[in-house]
Amino acid sequence: MKKMLGECGENVYVEAPFYANFGGHHCHFGNMVYANYHLTCVDDTHIYIGDYTMIGPNVTIATAGHPILPELREQLYQYNMPVHIGRNCWIGAGAIIMPGVSIGDDSVIGAGSVVTKDIPEGVVAVGNPCRVMREINEQDKAFYYKGRSFQ
C-alpha cells in the first residue's frame, strides 16, 4: 500500500476490492485508517483522509465531475476538486462524497448519504443531500447505539 498510495500512514487497512482511477496515486491516508470493502476513489486529483477515520463498505469518494452544459460535455470537459476528510471521522456504508467537499474532524456521515457540501467538525450528518442532523454531545458518551448504554 505504501507503494500504491500517494501517502499511507501507519496501520492503514483497506479491504479488497479497492478501486481508484489512478491506482490510489492521489490518495493520502493518515494513520490507523480503515476502509471496508468496495471503496471507490475517483482520484483524478487528491483525496485526503485523516488519522483514525473509518470508512464503511461501498463508499465512493469522487474528485471528478462534468459540466451541466451539454455542449461542454460533448467536448469532454471535466473538472477535478480535492476531497478532505478529517481526523477520526466515520463514513457510513454506501455514502457518496462529491468533488470539493470537506468533512470536519470527528464527524459521522450516515449510511447512504450523498455529501454535496462541506460538513463541519463534531456532527452527525445524514441524507440526500447530506445535512447536519445534530452535534455530537454528552449523550454520546453514555449511549453507543439507539439507547444502548456502555454499562
N, C-alpha and C. Protein backbone atom coordinates (compact mmCIF):
# COMPACT_ATOMS: atom_id res chain seq x y z
N MET A 1 0.82 -1.19 0.00
CA MET A 1 0.00 0.00 0.00
C MET A 1 0.86 1.25 0.00
N LYS A 2 1.99 1.21 0.69
CA LYS A 2 2.85 2.38 0.72
C LYS A 2 3.38 2.72 -0.67
N LYS A 3 3.55 1.73 -1.53
CA LYS A 3 3.99 1.97 -2.90
C LYS A 3 2.83 2.44 -3.79
N MET A 4 1.64 1.98 -3.49
CA MET A 4 0.48 2.26 -4.34
C MET A 4 -0.13 3.63 -4.07
N LEU A 5 -0.30 3.99 -2.80
CA LEU A 5 -0.98 5.23 -2.44
C LEU A 5 -0.03 6.42 -2.49
N GLY A 6 -0.60 7.60 -2.69
CA GLY A 6 0.19 8.83 -2.64
C GLY A 6 0.85 9.00 -1.28
N GLU A 7 0.11 8.70 -0.22
CA GLU A 7 0.62 8.67 1.15
C GLU A 7 -0.12 7.58 1.90
N CYS A 8 0.60 6.88 2.75
CA CYS A 8 -0.01 5.81 3.54
C CYS A 8 0.61 5.83 4.93
N GLY A 9 -0.20 6.21 5.92
CA GLY A 9 0.28 6.24 7.29
C GLY A 9 0.46 4.84 7.85
N GLU A 10 0.72 4.78 9.13
CA GLU A 10 0.92 3.51 9.83
C GLU A 10 -0.43 2.84 10.09
N ASN A 11 -0.43 1.51 10.03
CA ASN A 11 -1.60 0.69 10.36
C ASN A 11 -2.84 1.04 9.54
N VAL A 12 -2.65 1.29 8.27
CA VAL A 12 -3.77 1.50 7.34
C VAL A 12 -4.21 0.14 6.84
N TYR A 13 -5.54 -0.08 6.80
CA TYR A 13 -6.06 -1.34 6.30
C TYR A 13 -7.22 -1.06 5.36
N VAL A 14 -7.11 -1.55 4.14
CA VAL A 14 -8.16 -1.38 3.13
C VAL A 14 -8.58 -2.78 2.69
N GLU A 15 -9.84 -3.11 2.92
CA GLU A 15 -10.37 -4.41 2.50
C GLU A 15 -10.47 -4.45 0.97
N ALA A 16 -10.14 -5.56 0.38
CA ALA A 16 -10.30 -5.73 -1.07
C ALA A 16 -11.77 -6.02 -1.38
N PRO A 17 -12.24 -5.60 -2.54
CA PRO A 17 -11.51 -4.87 -3.57
C PRO A 17 -11.52 -3.36 -3.31
N PHE A 18 -10.49 -2.72 -3.82
CA PHE A 18 -10.32 -1.26 -3.76
C PHE A 18 -10.21 -0.77 -5.19
N TYR A 19 -10.95 0.27 -5.52
CA TYR A 19 -10.94 0.81 -6.88
C TYR A 19 -10.47 2.26 -6.86
N ALA A 20 -9.62 2.62 -7.82
CA ALA A 20 -9.17 4.01 -7.93
C ALA A 20 -8.74 4.27 -9.38
N ASN A 21 -9.14 5.43 -9.89
CA ASN A 21 -8.80 5.79 -11.27
C ASN A 21 -7.31 5.77 -11.52
N PHE A 22 -6.56 6.31 -10.58
CA PHE A 22 -5.12 6.39 -10.72
C PHE A 22 -4.42 5.43 -9.76
N GLY A 23 -5.08 4.34 -9.47
CA GLY A 23 -4.49 3.31 -8.63
C GLY A 23 -4.22 3.74 -7.20
N GLY A 24 -4.84 4.84 -6.79
CA GLY A 24 -4.63 5.35 -5.44
C GLY A 24 -3.48 6.35 -5.35
N HIS A 25 -2.88 6.67 -6.48
CA HIS A 25 -1.72 7.57 -6.51
C HIS A 25 -2.02 8.94 -5.90
N HIS A 26 -3.27 9.39 -6.01
CA HIS A 26 -3.67 10.69 -5.46
C HIS A 26 -4.40 10.57 -4.12
N CYS A 27 -4.34 9.39 -3.50
CA CYS A 27 -4.98 9.16 -2.20
C CYS A 27 -3.95 9.30 -1.08
N HIS A 28 -4.31 10.05 -0.07
CA HIS A 28 -3.43 10.31 1.06
C HIS A 28 -4.14 9.86 2.33
N PHE A 29 -3.73 8.72 2.88
CA PHE A 29 -4.36 8.14 4.05
C PHE A 29 -3.47 8.38 5.27
N GLY A 30 -4.06 8.91 6.34
CA GLY A 30 -3.33 9.11 7.59
C GLY A 30 -3.12 7.80 8.32
N ASN A 31 -2.74 7.87 9.57
CA ASN A 31 -2.51 6.69 10.41
C ASN A 31 -3.83 6.07 10.84
N MET A 32 -3.84 4.75 10.96
CA MET A 32 -4.96 3.99 11.52
C MET A 32 -6.26 4.19 10.72
N VAL A 33 -6.16 4.38 9.42
CA VAL A 33 -7.35 4.48 8.57
C VAL A 33 -7.81 3.06 8.25
N TYR A 34 -9.12 2.85 8.35
CA TYR A 34 -9.71 1.56 7.97
C TYR A 34 -10.78 1.82 6.93
N ALA A 35 -10.70 1.09 5.82
CA ALA A 35 -11.73 1.17 4.78
C ALA A 35 -12.26 -0.23 4.51
N ASN A 36 -13.55 -0.39 4.61
CA ASN A 36 -14.18 -1.66 4.33
C ASN A 36 -14.20 -1.91 2.82
N TYR A 37 -14.71 -3.06 2.40
CA TYR A 37 -14.62 -3.47 1.00
C TYR A 37 -15.38 -2.54 0.05
N HIS A 38 -14.94 -2.55 -1.20
CA HIS A 38 -15.55 -1.78 -2.29
C HIS A 38 -15.41 -0.27 -2.13
N LEU A 39 -14.30 0.19 -1.54
CA LEU A 39 -14.05 1.63 -1.53
C LEU A 39 -13.67 2.03 -2.95
N THR A 40 -14.37 3.03 -3.49
CA THR A 40 -14.07 3.57 -4.81
C THR A 40 -13.58 5.00 -4.64
N CYS A 41 -12.36 5.25 -5.09
CA CYS A 41 -11.78 6.59 -5.04
C CYS A 41 -11.58 7.07 -6.48
N VAL A 42 -12.41 8.01 -6.89
CA VAL A 42 -12.24 8.63 -8.20
C VAL A 42 -11.17 9.70 -7.97
N ASP A 43 -9.92 9.25 -8.00
CA ASP A 43 -8.79 10.08 -7.58
C ASP A 43 -8.13 10.80 -8.76
N ASP A 44 -8.95 11.51 -9.53
CA ASP A 44 -8.39 12.31 -10.61
C ASP A 44 -7.58 13.48 -10.06
N THR A 45 -7.85 13.86 -8.83
CA THR A 45 -7.00 14.75 -8.04
C THR A 45 -7.00 14.21 -6.62
N HIS A 46 -6.52 14.96 -5.67
CA HIS A 46 -6.17 14.43 -4.36
C HIS A 46 -7.36 14.21 -3.43
N ILE A 47 -7.26 13.11 -2.69
CA ILE A 47 -8.19 12.74 -1.64
C ILE A 47 -7.36 12.60 -0.36
N TYR A 48 -7.75 13.35 0.67
CA TYR A 48 -7.03 13.34 1.94
C TYR A 48 -7.95 12.75 3.01
N ILE A 49 -7.47 11.70 3.70
CA ILE A 49 -8.25 11.05 4.74
C ILE A 49 -7.43 11.07 6.02
N GLY A 50 -7.98 11.68 7.07
CA GLY A 50 -7.25 11.89 8.32
C GLY A 50 -7.11 10.63 9.17
N ASP A 51 -6.22 10.74 10.15
CA ASP A 51 -5.94 9.65 11.09
C ASP A 51 -7.22 9.14 11.74
N TYR A 52 -7.26 7.85 12.00
CA TYR A 52 -8.33 7.17 12.75
C TYR A 52 -9.70 7.24 12.09
N THR A 53 -9.73 7.51 10.81
CA THR A 53 -11.02 7.55 10.10
C THR A 53 -11.40 6.16 9.66
N MET A 54 -12.70 5.85 9.78
CA MET A 54 -13.25 4.56 9.37
C MET A 54 -14.23 4.78 8.23
N ILE A 55 -14.15 3.93 7.23
CA ILE A 55 -14.99 4.05 6.04
C ILE A 55 -15.73 2.73 5.86
N GLY A 56 -17.06 2.81 5.78
CA GLY A 56 -17.90 1.63 5.62
C GLY A 56 -17.80 1.04 4.21
N PRO A 57 -18.46 -0.09 3.99
CA PRO A 57 -18.42 -0.72 2.67
C PRO A 57 -19.16 0.10 1.61
N ASN A 58 -18.72 -0.06 0.38
CA ASN A 58 -19.38 0.53 -0.79
C ASN A 58 -19.44 2.06 -0.77
N VAL A 59 -18.40 2.69 -0.27
CA VAL A 59 -18.31 4.15 -0.25
C VAL A 59 -17.61 4.62 -1.52
N THR A 60 -18.10 5.73 -2.08
CA THR A 60 -17.47 6.36 -3.23
C THR A 60 -17.02 7.76 -2.84
N ILE A 61 -15.75 8.06 -3.13
CA ILE A 61 -15.21 9.40 -2.93
C ILE A 61 -14.80 9.89 -4.32
N ALA A 62 -15.51 10.91 -4.81
CA ALA A 62 -15.30 11.38 -6.18
C ALA A 62 -14.67 12.76 -6.18
N THR A 63 -13.61 12.92 -6.96
CA THR A 63 -12.99 14.25 -7.13
C THR A 63 -13.28 14.83 -8.50
N ALA A 64 -13.86 14.04 -9.39
CA ALA A 64 -14.08 14.48 -10.77
C ALA A 64 -15.56 14.69 -11.04
N GLY A 65 -15.86 15.67 -11.87
CA GLY A 65 -17.22 15.95 -12.29
C GLY A 65 -17.22 16.51 -13.71
N HIS A 66 -18.40 16.68 -14.23
CA HIS A 66 -18.55 17.18 -15.60
C HIS A 66 -19.56 18.33 -15.61
N PRO A 67 -19.40 19.28 -16.53
CA PRO A 67 -20.29 20.44 -16.57
C PRO A 67 -21.74 20.05 -16.86
N ILE A 68 -22.64 20.90 -16.41
CA ILE A 68 -24.07 20.72 -16.68
C ILE A 68 -24.36 20.97 -18.16
N LEU A 69 -23.72 21.95 -18.76
CA LEU A 69 -23.98 22.35 -20.14
C LEU A 69 -23.62 21.22 -21.11
N PRO A 70 -24.59 20.70 -21.88
CA PRO A 70 -24.33 19.57 -22.77
C PRO A 70 -23.20 19.81 -23.77
N GLU A 71 -23.10 21.02 -24.28
CA GLU A 71 -22.06 21.30 -25.28
C GLU A 71 -20.66 21.12 -24.71
N LEU A 72 -20.52 21.43 -23.43
CA LEU A 72 -19.21 21.24 -22.79
C LEU A 72 -18.92 19.77 -22.54
N ARG A 73 -19.95 19.01 -22.21
CA ARG A 73 -19.74 17.56 -22.04
C ARG A 73 -19.37 16.92 -23.37
N GLU A 74 -19.97 17.40 -24.46
CA GLU A 74 -19.62 16.88 -25.79
C GLU A 74 -18.14 17.10 -26.09
N GLN A 75 -17.58 18.16 -25.53
CA GLN A 75 -16.16 18.45 -25.72
C GLN A 75 -15.29 17.75 -24.66
N LEU A 76 -15.92 16.88 -23.89
CA LEU A 76 -15.24 16.05 -22.88
C LEU A 76 -14.65 16.86 -21.73
N TYR A 77 -15.27 18.01 -21.41
CA TYR A 77 -14.81 18.81 -20.28
C TYR A 77 -15.01 18.04 -18.98
N GLN A 78 -14.10 18.25 -18.09
CA GLN A 78 -14.15 17.65 -16.76
C GLN A 78 -13.50 18.61 -15.78
N TYR A 79 -13.97 18.63 -14.56
CA TYR A 79 -13.29 19.38 -13.51
C TYR A 79 -12.91 18.43 -12.39
N ASN A 80 -11.84 18.77 -11.68
CA ASN A 80 -11.35 17.95 -10.57
C ASN A 80 -11.16 18.85 -9.36
N MET A 81 -11.72 18.43 -8.24
CA MET A 81 -11.61 19.20 -6.99
C MET A 81 -11.28 18.24 -5.85
N PRO A 82 -10.28 18.56 -5.04
CA PRO A 82 -9.88 17.64 -3.98
C PRO A 82 -10.95 17.46 -2.91
N VAL A 83 -10.88 16.32 -2.24
CA VAL A 83 -11.78 16.00 -1.12
C VAL A 83 -10.92 15.87 0.13
N HIS A 84 -11.40 16.44 1.23
CA HIS A 84 -10.72 16.38 2.52
C HIS A 84 -11.66 15.76 3.55
N ILE A 85 -11.24 14.65 4.12
CA ILE A 85 -11.98 14.02 5.20
C ILE A 85 -11.11 14.11 6.44
N GLY A 86 -11.65 14.67 7.51
CA GLY A 86 -10.86 14.97 8.70
C GLY A 86 -10.44 13.74 9.49
N ARG A 87 -9.90 14.04 10.64
CA ARG A 87 -9.40 13.04 11.57
C ARG A 87 -10.57 12.46 12.36
N ASN A 88 -10.51 11.15 12.59
CA ASN A 88 -11.46 10.46 13.46
C ASN A 88 -12.90 10.57 12.97
N CYS A 89 -13.09 10.49 11.67
CA CYS A 89 -14.43 10.50 11.08
C CYS A 89 -14.90 9.07 10.87
N TRP A 90 -16.20 8.93 10.71
CA TRP A 90 -16.80 7.65 10.35
C TRP A 90 -17.71 7.93 9.17
N ILE A 91 -17.41 7.29 8.06
CA ILE A 91 -18.20 7.42 6.84
C ILE A 91 -19.02 6.14 6.70
N GLY A 92 -20.34 6.24 6.80
CA GLY A 92 -21.21 5.07 6.79
C GLY A 92 -21.29 4.39 5.44
N ALA A 93 -21.75 3.16 5.45
CA ALA A 93 -21.86 2.32 4.27
C ALA A 93 -22.64 3.01 3.16
N GLY A 94 -22.13 2.91 1.94
CA GLY A 94 -22.83 3.40 0.76
C GLY A 94 -22.85 4.91 0.60
N ALA A 95 -22.11 5.63 1.42
CA ALA A 95 -22.06 7.09 1.28
C ALA A 95 -21.33 7.47 0.00
N ILE A 96 -21.71 8.62 -0.55
CA ILE A 96 -21.05 9.17 -1.73
C ILE A 96 -20.59 10.57 -1.37
N ILE A 97 -19.31 10.82 -1.57
CA ILE A 97 -18.72 12.12 -1.25
C ILE A 97 -18.34 12.78 -2.58
N MET A 98 -18.90 13.95 -2.84
CA MET A 98 -18.76 14.62 -4.13
C MET A 98 -17.50 15.50 -4.18
N PRO A 99 -17.10 15.93 -5.40
CA PRO A 99 -15.89 16.73 -5.56
C PRO A 99 -15.90 18.02 -4.75
N GLY A 100 -14.74 18.33 -4.18
CA GLY A 100 -14.55 19.59 -3.48
C GLY A 100 -15.06 19.64 -2.06
N VAL A 101 -15.60 18.55 -1.55
CA VAL A 101 -16.20 18.52 -0.21
C VAL A 101 -15.12 18.36 0.86
N SER A 102 -15.33 19.02 1.99
CA SER A 102 -14.52 18.82 3.19
C SER A 102 -15.43 18.36 4.32
N ILE A 103 -14.97 17.36 5.06
CA ILE A 103 -15.70 16.85 6.22
C ILE A 103 -14.81 17.10 7.43
N GLY A 104 -15.34 17.81 8.43
CA GLY A 104 -14.56 18.19 9.60
C GLY A 104 -14.22 17.02 10.51
N ASP A 105 -13.20 17.21 11.33
CA ASP A 105 -12.76 16.21 12.29
C ASP A 105 -13.93 15.72 13.15
N ASP A 106 -13.87 14.45 13.53
CA ASP A 106 -14.79 13.84 14.49
C ASP A 106 -16.24 13.75 14.01
N SER A 107 -16.49 13.93 12.74
CA SER A 107 -17.87 13.87 12.25
C SER A 107 -18.24 12.49 11.76
N VAL A 108 -19.54 12.22 11.75
CA VAL A 108 -20.09 10.96 11.29
C VAL A 108 -21.01 11.27 10.11
N ILE A 109 -20.83 10.52 9.02
CA ILE A 109 -21.69 10.63 7.85
C ILE A 109 -22.54 9.36 7.80
N GLY A 110 -23.84 9.52 7.84
CA GLY A 110 -24.75 8.38 7.88
C GLY A 110 -24.71 7.54 6.62
N ALA A 111 -25.03 6.27 6.77
CA ALA A 111 -25.07 5.34 5.65
C ALA A 111 -25.99 5.86 4.55
N GLY A 112 -25.54 5.73 3.31
CA GLY A 112 -26.35 6.11 2.16
C GLY A 112 -26.39 7.59 1.88
N SER A 113 -25.70 8.39 2.63
CA SER A 113 -25.72 9.85 2.44
C SER A 113 -24.98 10.25 1.17
N VAL A 114 -25.44 11.35 0.57
CA VAL A 114 -24.76 11.94 -0.58
C VAL A 114 -24.27 13.32 -0.12
N VAL A 115 -22.96 13.44 0.06
CA VAL A 115 -22.36 14.64 0.63
C VAL A 115 -21.98 15.59 -0.51
N THR A 116 -22.77 16.65 -0.65
CA THR A 116 -22.58 17.61 -1.74
C THR A 116 -21.98 18.92 -1.26
N LYS A 117 -21.97 19.15 0.06
CA LYS A 117 -21.45 20.39 0.65
C LYS A 117 -20.59 20.06 1.85
N ASP A 118 -19.77 21.01 2.26
CA ASP A 118 -18.90 20.82 3.42
C ASP A 118 -19.72 20.50 4.66
N ILE A 119 -19.14 19.64 5.51
CA ILE A 119 -19.73 19.25 6.78
C ILE A 119 -18.78 19.72 7.88
N PRO A 120 -19.29 20.42 8.90
CA PRO A 120 -18.40 20.91 9.96
C PRO A 120 -17.90 19.78 10.86
N GLU A 121 -17.03 20.11 11.76
CA GLU A 121 -16.49 19.10 12.68
C GLU A 121 -17.49 18.79 13.79
N GLY A 122 -17.39 17.56 14.32
CA GLY A 122 -18.14 17.18 15.50
C GLY A 122 -19.64 17.05 15.33
N VAL A 123 -20.10 16.62 14.16
CA VAL A 123 -21.54 16.49 13.93
C VAL A 123 -21.88 15.12 13.33
N VAL A 124 -23.15 14.79 13.43
CA VAL A 124 -23.73 13.66 12.70
C VAL A 124 -24.50 14.27 11.54
N ALA A 125 -24.18 13.85 10.32
CA ALA A 125 -24.84 14.37 9.13
C ALA A 125 -25.36 13.20 8.31
N VAL A 126 -26.58 13.34 7.78
CA VAL A 126 -27.22 12.24 7.07
C VAL A 126 -28.04 12.77 5.90
N GLY A 127 -28.38 11.87 4.99
CA GLY A 127 -29.38 12.15 3.97
C GLY A 127 -28.84 12.44 2.58
N ASN A 128 -29.81 12.71 1.70
CA ASN A 128 -29.53 13.04 0.31
C ASN A 128 -30.40 14.24 -0.07
N PRO A 129 -29.80 15.43 -0.13
CA PRO A 129 -28.39 15.72 0.16
C PRO A 129 -28.10 15.65 1.66
N CYS A 130 -26.86 15.35 1.98
CA CYS A 130 -26.43 15.21 3.37
C CYS A 130 -26.53 16.54 4.10
N ARG A 131 -27.16 16.50 5.28
CA ARG A 131 -27.33 17.69 6.12
C ARG A 131 -27.00 17.34 7.56
N VAL A 132 -26.56 18.34 8.30
CA VAL A 132 -26.26 18.13 9.71
C VAL A 132 -27.55 17.82 10.44
N MET A 133 -27.56 16.71 11.15
CA MET A 133 -28.70 16.31 11.96
C MET A 133 -28.56 16.84 13.39
N ARG A 134 -27.33 16.73 13.93
CA ARG A 134 -27.09 17.19 15.29
C ARG A 134 -25.59 17.22 15.57
N GLU A 135 -25.25 17.90 16.65
CA GLU A 135 -23.87 17.88 17.12
C GLU A 135 -23.64 16.62 17.94
N ILE A 136 -22.42 16.13 17.93
CA ILE A 136 -22.04 15.04 18.84
C ILE A 136 -21.98 15.66 20.22
N ASN A 137 -22.60 14.99 21.23
CA ASN A 137 -22.77 15.63 22.54
C ASN A 137 -22.52 14.67 23.69
N GLU A 138 -22.84 15.12 24.90
CA GLU A 138 -22.62 14.34 26.13
C GLU A 138 -23.36 13.01 26.12
N GLN A 139 -24.54 12.98 25.52
CA GLN A 139 -25.31 11.73 25.47
C GLN A 139 -24.54 10.64 24.74
N ASP A 140 -23.72 11.03 23.77
CA ASP A 140 -22.93 10.06 23.01
C ASP A 140 -21.85 9.40 23.87
N LYS A 141 -21.53 10.00 25.01
CA LYS A 141 -20.58 9.38 25.94
C LYS A 141 -21.24 8.26 26.73
N ALA A 142 -22.57 8.30 26.89
CA ALA A 142 -23.29 7.31 27.68
C ALA A 142 -23.91 6.20 26.83
N PHE A 143 -24.29 6.54 25.60
CA PHE A 143 -25.00 5.58 24.75
C PHE A 143 -24.27 5.42 23.41
N TYR A 144 -24.07 4.17 22.99
CA TYR A 144 -23.34 3.94 21.75
C TYR A 144 -24.25 3.71 20.56
N TYR A 145 -25.51 3.27 20.78
CA TYR A 145 -26.40 3.00 19.65
C TYR A 145 -27.83 2.87 20.14
N LYS A 146 -28.72 3.72 19.65
CA LYS A 146 -30.16 3.64 19.93
C LYS A 146 -30.47 3.32 21.39
N GLY A 147 -29.97 4.13 22.30
CA GLY A 147 -30.28 3.98 23.72
C GLY A 147 -29.55 2.85 24.41
N ARG A 148 -28.63 2.19 23.76
CA ARG A 148 -27.86 1.12 24.39
C ARG A 148 -26.67 1.75 25.11
N SER A 149 -26.61 1.53 26.43
CA SER A 149 -25.57 2.20 27.22
C SER A 149 -24.29 1.37 27.25
N PHE A 150 -23.22 2.05 27.61
CA PHE A 150 -21.92 1.40 27.71
C PHE A 150 -21.81 0.51 28.94
N GLN A 151 -22.69 0.71 29.95
CA GLN A 151 -22.63 -0.10 31.18
C GLN A 151 -23.24 -1.44 30.98
